[in-house]
Amino acid sequence: MTNQTEEQDEYQNGESKIVEIAELSPQSTLKLPREIAGHFRPSDRFVVWVDGDTLHLKRITPPPVTDIVAEAPEGEPLSLEEINAIVHETRQQRRPG
């Protein structure tokens, strides 16, 4: 069995070898072990899916605002209504479910 430092090195190299037990609370909250949770920020969001008896979590990263701005058409500036629509659409994409 490898020691904790070797496991962390493997995780950082893309070879996630850390195995811990997570617990599902009665409130449907999944509590991650501290060692695993430490690799993420509290504001991180995840897409979650079930495959048989396996639960998958994949961290999602929304596009930077600069990418969204870069997609804006050149020329006439966007109206407030257009900006509002883009913000609304982006927020909908970031919401789970």
C-alpha atoms as a PDB file:
ATOM      1  CA  MET A   1       0.000   0.000   0.000  1.00  0.00           C
ATOM      2  CA  THR A   2       1.268   3.513  -0.807  1.00  0.00           C
ATOM      3  CA  ASN A   3       1.667   6.229   1.767  1.00  0.00           C
ATOM      4  CA  GLN A   4      -0.364   9.447   1.791  1.00  0.00           C
ATOM      5  CA  THR A   5       2.319  11.557   0.064  1.00  0.00           C
ATOM      6  CA  GLU A   6       2.605   9.087  -2.812  1.00  0.00           C
ATOM      7  CA  GLU A   7      -1.199   9.045  -3.137  1.00  0.00           C
ATOM      8  CA  GLN A   8      -1.301  12.839  -3.297  1.00  0.00           C
ATOM      9  CA  ASP A   9       1.455  12.865  -5.950  1.00  0.00           C
ATOM     10  CA  GLU A  10      -0.511  10.336  -8.001  1.00  0.00           C
ATOM     11  CA  TYR A  11      -3.664  12.467  -7.677  1.00  0.00           C
ATOM     12  CA  GLN A  12      -1.833  15.595  -8.806  1.00  0.00           C
ATOM     13  CA  ASN A  13      -0.437  13.705 -11.790  1.00  0.00           C
ATOM     14  CA  GLY A  14      -3.959  12.822 -12.923  1.00  0.00           C
ATOM     15  CA  GLU A  15      -3.918   9.346 -11.434  1.00  0.00           C
ATOM     16  CA  SER A  16      -6.492   9.716  -8.676  1.00  0.00           C
ATOM     17  CA  LYS A  17      -5.709   6.836  -6.352  1.00  0.00           C
ATOM     18  CA  ILE A  18      -7.222   8.229  -3.163  1.00  0.00           C
ATOM     19  CA  VAL A  19      -9.938   5.914  -1.883  1.00  0.00           C
ATOM     20  CA  GLU A  20     -12.097   7.012   1.030  1.00  0.00           C
ATOM     21  CA  ILE A  21     -15.659   6.498   2.248  1.00  0.00           C
ATOM     22  CA  ALA A  22     -18.302   9.192   1.668  1.00  0.00           C
ATOM     23  CA  GLU A  23     -21.557   9.240   3.585  1.00  0.00           C
ATOM     24  CA  LEU A  24     -25.039  10.221   2.411  1.00  0.00           C
ATOM     25  CA  SER A  25     -26.984  12.069   5.117  1.00  0.00           C
ATOM     26  CA  PRO A  26     -30.763  11.849   5.650  1.00  0.00           C
ATOM     27  CA  GLN A  27     -30.926  15.349   4.107  1.00  0.00           C
ATOM     28  CA  SER A  28     -29.472  13.932   0.837  1.00  0.00           C
ATOM     29  CA  THR A  29     -26.130  15.646   1.425  1.00  0.00           C
ATOM     30  CA  LEU A  30     -23.053  13.703   0.380  1.00  0.00           C
ATOM     31  CA  LYS A  31     -20.236  14.320   2.855  1.00  0.00           C
ATOM     32  CA  LEU A  32     -16.843  13.940   1.222  1.00  0.00           C
ATOM     33  CA  PRO A  33     -13.845  12.869   3.276  1.00  0.00           C
ATOM     34  CA  ARG A  34     -11.626  15.805   4.216  1.00  0.00           C
ATOM     35  CA  GLU A  35      -8.674  14.530   2.164  1.00  0.00           C
ATOM     36  CA  ILE A  36     -10.764  14.407  -1.006  1.00  0.00           C
ATOM     37  CA  ALA A  37     -12.728  17.614  -0.321  1.00  0.00           C
ATOM     38  CA  GLY A  38      -9.405  19.412   0.136  1.00  0.00           C
ATOM     39  CA  HIS A  39      -8.782  19.101  -3.611  1.00  0.00           C
ATOM     40  CA  PHE A  40     -11.795  21.306  -4.351  1.00  0.00           C
ATOM     41  CA  ARG A  41     -13.189  24.712  -3.395  1.00  0.00           C
ATOM     42  CA  PRO A  42     -16.515  25.099  -1.567  1.00  0.00           C
ATOM     43  CA  SER A  43     -17.912  26.966  -4.594  1.00  0.00           C
ATOM     44  CA  ASP A  44     -17.049  24.187  -7.069  1.00  0.00           C
ATOM     45  CA  ARG A  45     -19.974  22.638  -8.915  1.00  0.00           C
ATOM     46  CA  PHE A  46     -20.266  19.102 -10.198  1.00  0.00           C
ATOM     47  CA  VAL A  47     -22.282  17.236 -12.748  1.00  0.00           C
ATOM     48  CA  VAL A  48     -23.464  13.985 -11.145  1.00  0.00           C
ATOM     49  CA  TRP A  49     -24.702  10.798 -12.745  1.00  0.00           C
ATOM     50  CA  VAL A  50     -25.376   7.221 -11.729  1.00  0.00           C
ATOM     51  CA  ASP A  51     -24.248   4.187 -13.678  1.00  0.00           C
ATOM     52  CA  GLY A  52     -25.620   1.083 -11.982  1.00  0.00           C
ATOM     53  CA  ASP A  53     -24.337   1.230  -8.412  1.00  0.00           C
ATOM     54  CA  THR A  54     -21.575   3.733  -9.273  1.00  0.00           C
ATOM     55  CA  LEU A  55     -21.946   7.444  -8.550  1.00  0.00           C
ATOM     56  CA  HIS A  56     -19.852   9.746 -10.742  1.00  0.00           C
ATOM     57  CA  LEU A  57     -18.953  13.348  -9.889  1.00  0.00           C
ATOM     58  CA  LYS A  58     -17.245  15.551 -12.477  1.00  0.00           C
ATOM     59  CA  ARG A  59     -16.213  19.086 -11.577  1.00  0.00           C
ATOM     60  CA  ILE A  60     -17.537  21.585 -14.086  1.00  0.00           C
ATOM     61  CA  THR A  61     -15.865  24.859 -14.870  1.00  0.00           C
ATOM     62  CA  PRO A  62     -17.971  27.609 -16.429  1.00  0.00           C
ATOM     63  CA  PRO A  63     -16.346  29.585 -19.221  1.00  0.00           C
ATOM     64  CA  PRO A  64     -14.516  32.745 -18.167  1.00  0.00           C
ATOM     65  CA  VAL A  65     -16.392  36.006 -18.643  1.00  0.00           C
ATOM     66  CA  THR A  66     -13.745  37.052 -21.156  1.00  0.00           C
ATOM     67  CA  ASP A  67     -14.783  34.126 -23.396  1.00  0.00           C
ATOM     68  CA  ILE A  68     -18.426  35.178 -23.197  1.00  0.00           C
ATOM     69  CA  VAL A  69     -17.502  38.772 -24.049  1.00  0.00           C
ATOM     70  CA  ALA A  70     -15.352  37.561 -26.952  1.00  0.00           C
ATOM     71  CA  GLU A  71     -18.427  35.891 -28.465  1.00  0.00           C
ATOM     72  CA  ALA A  72     -20.342  39.185 -28.529  1.00  0.00           C
ATOM     73  CA  PRO A  73     -20.833  40.534 -32.037  1.00  0.00           C
ATOM     74  CA  GLU A  74     -18.621  43.427 -33.045  1.00  0.00           C
ATOM     75  CA  GLY A  75     -20.060  46.782 -33.919  1.00  0.00           C
ATOM     76  CA  GLU A  76     -23.098  48.128 -32.111  1.00  0.00           C
ATOM     77  CA  PRO A  77     -22.866  47.586 -28.321  1.00  0.00           C
ATOM     78  CA  LEU A  78     -25.289  45.142 -26.756  1.00  0.00           C
ATOM     79  CA  SER A  79     -28.502  46.550 -25.325  1.00  0.00           C
ATOM     80  CA  LEU A  80     -29.338  45.990 -21.660  1.00  0.00           C
ATOM     81  CA  GLU A  81     -31.993  43.492 -22.745  1.00  0.00           C
ATOM     82  CA  GLU A  82     -29.411  41.505 -24.741  1.00  0.00           C
ATOM     83  CA  ILE A  83     -26.963  41.568 -21.824  1.00  0.00           C
ATOM     84  CA  ASN A  84     -29.738  40.437 -19.489  1.00  0.00           C
ATOM     85  CA  ALA A  85     -30.610  37.559 -21.837  1.00  0.00           C
ATOM     86  CA  ILE A  86     -26.960  36.412 -21.971  1.00  0.00           C
ATOM     87  CA  VAL A  87     -26.636  36.572 -18.181  1.00  0.00           C
ATOM     88  CA  HIS A  88     -29.914  34.664 -17.759  1.00  0.00           C
ATOM     89  CA  GLU A  89     -28.814  31.970 -20.219  1.00  0.00           C
ATOM     90  CA  THR A  90     -25.418  31.603 -18.539  1.00  0.00           C
ATOM     91  CA  ARG A  91     -27.008  31.290 -15.100  1.00  0.00           C
ATOM     92  CA  GLN A  92     -29.418  28.646 -16.393  1.00  0.00           C
ATOM     93  CA  GLN A  93     -26.463  26.643 -17.728  1.00  0.00           C
ATOM     94  CA  ARG A  94     -24.719  26.830 -14.342  1.00  0.00           C
ATOM     95  CA  ARG A  95     -27.740  25.686 -12.323  1.00  0.00           C
ATOM     96  CA  PRO A  96     -27.959  21.997 -11.522  1.00  0.00           C
ATOM     97  CA  GLY A  97     -30.925  20.010 -12.681  1.00  0.00           C
END
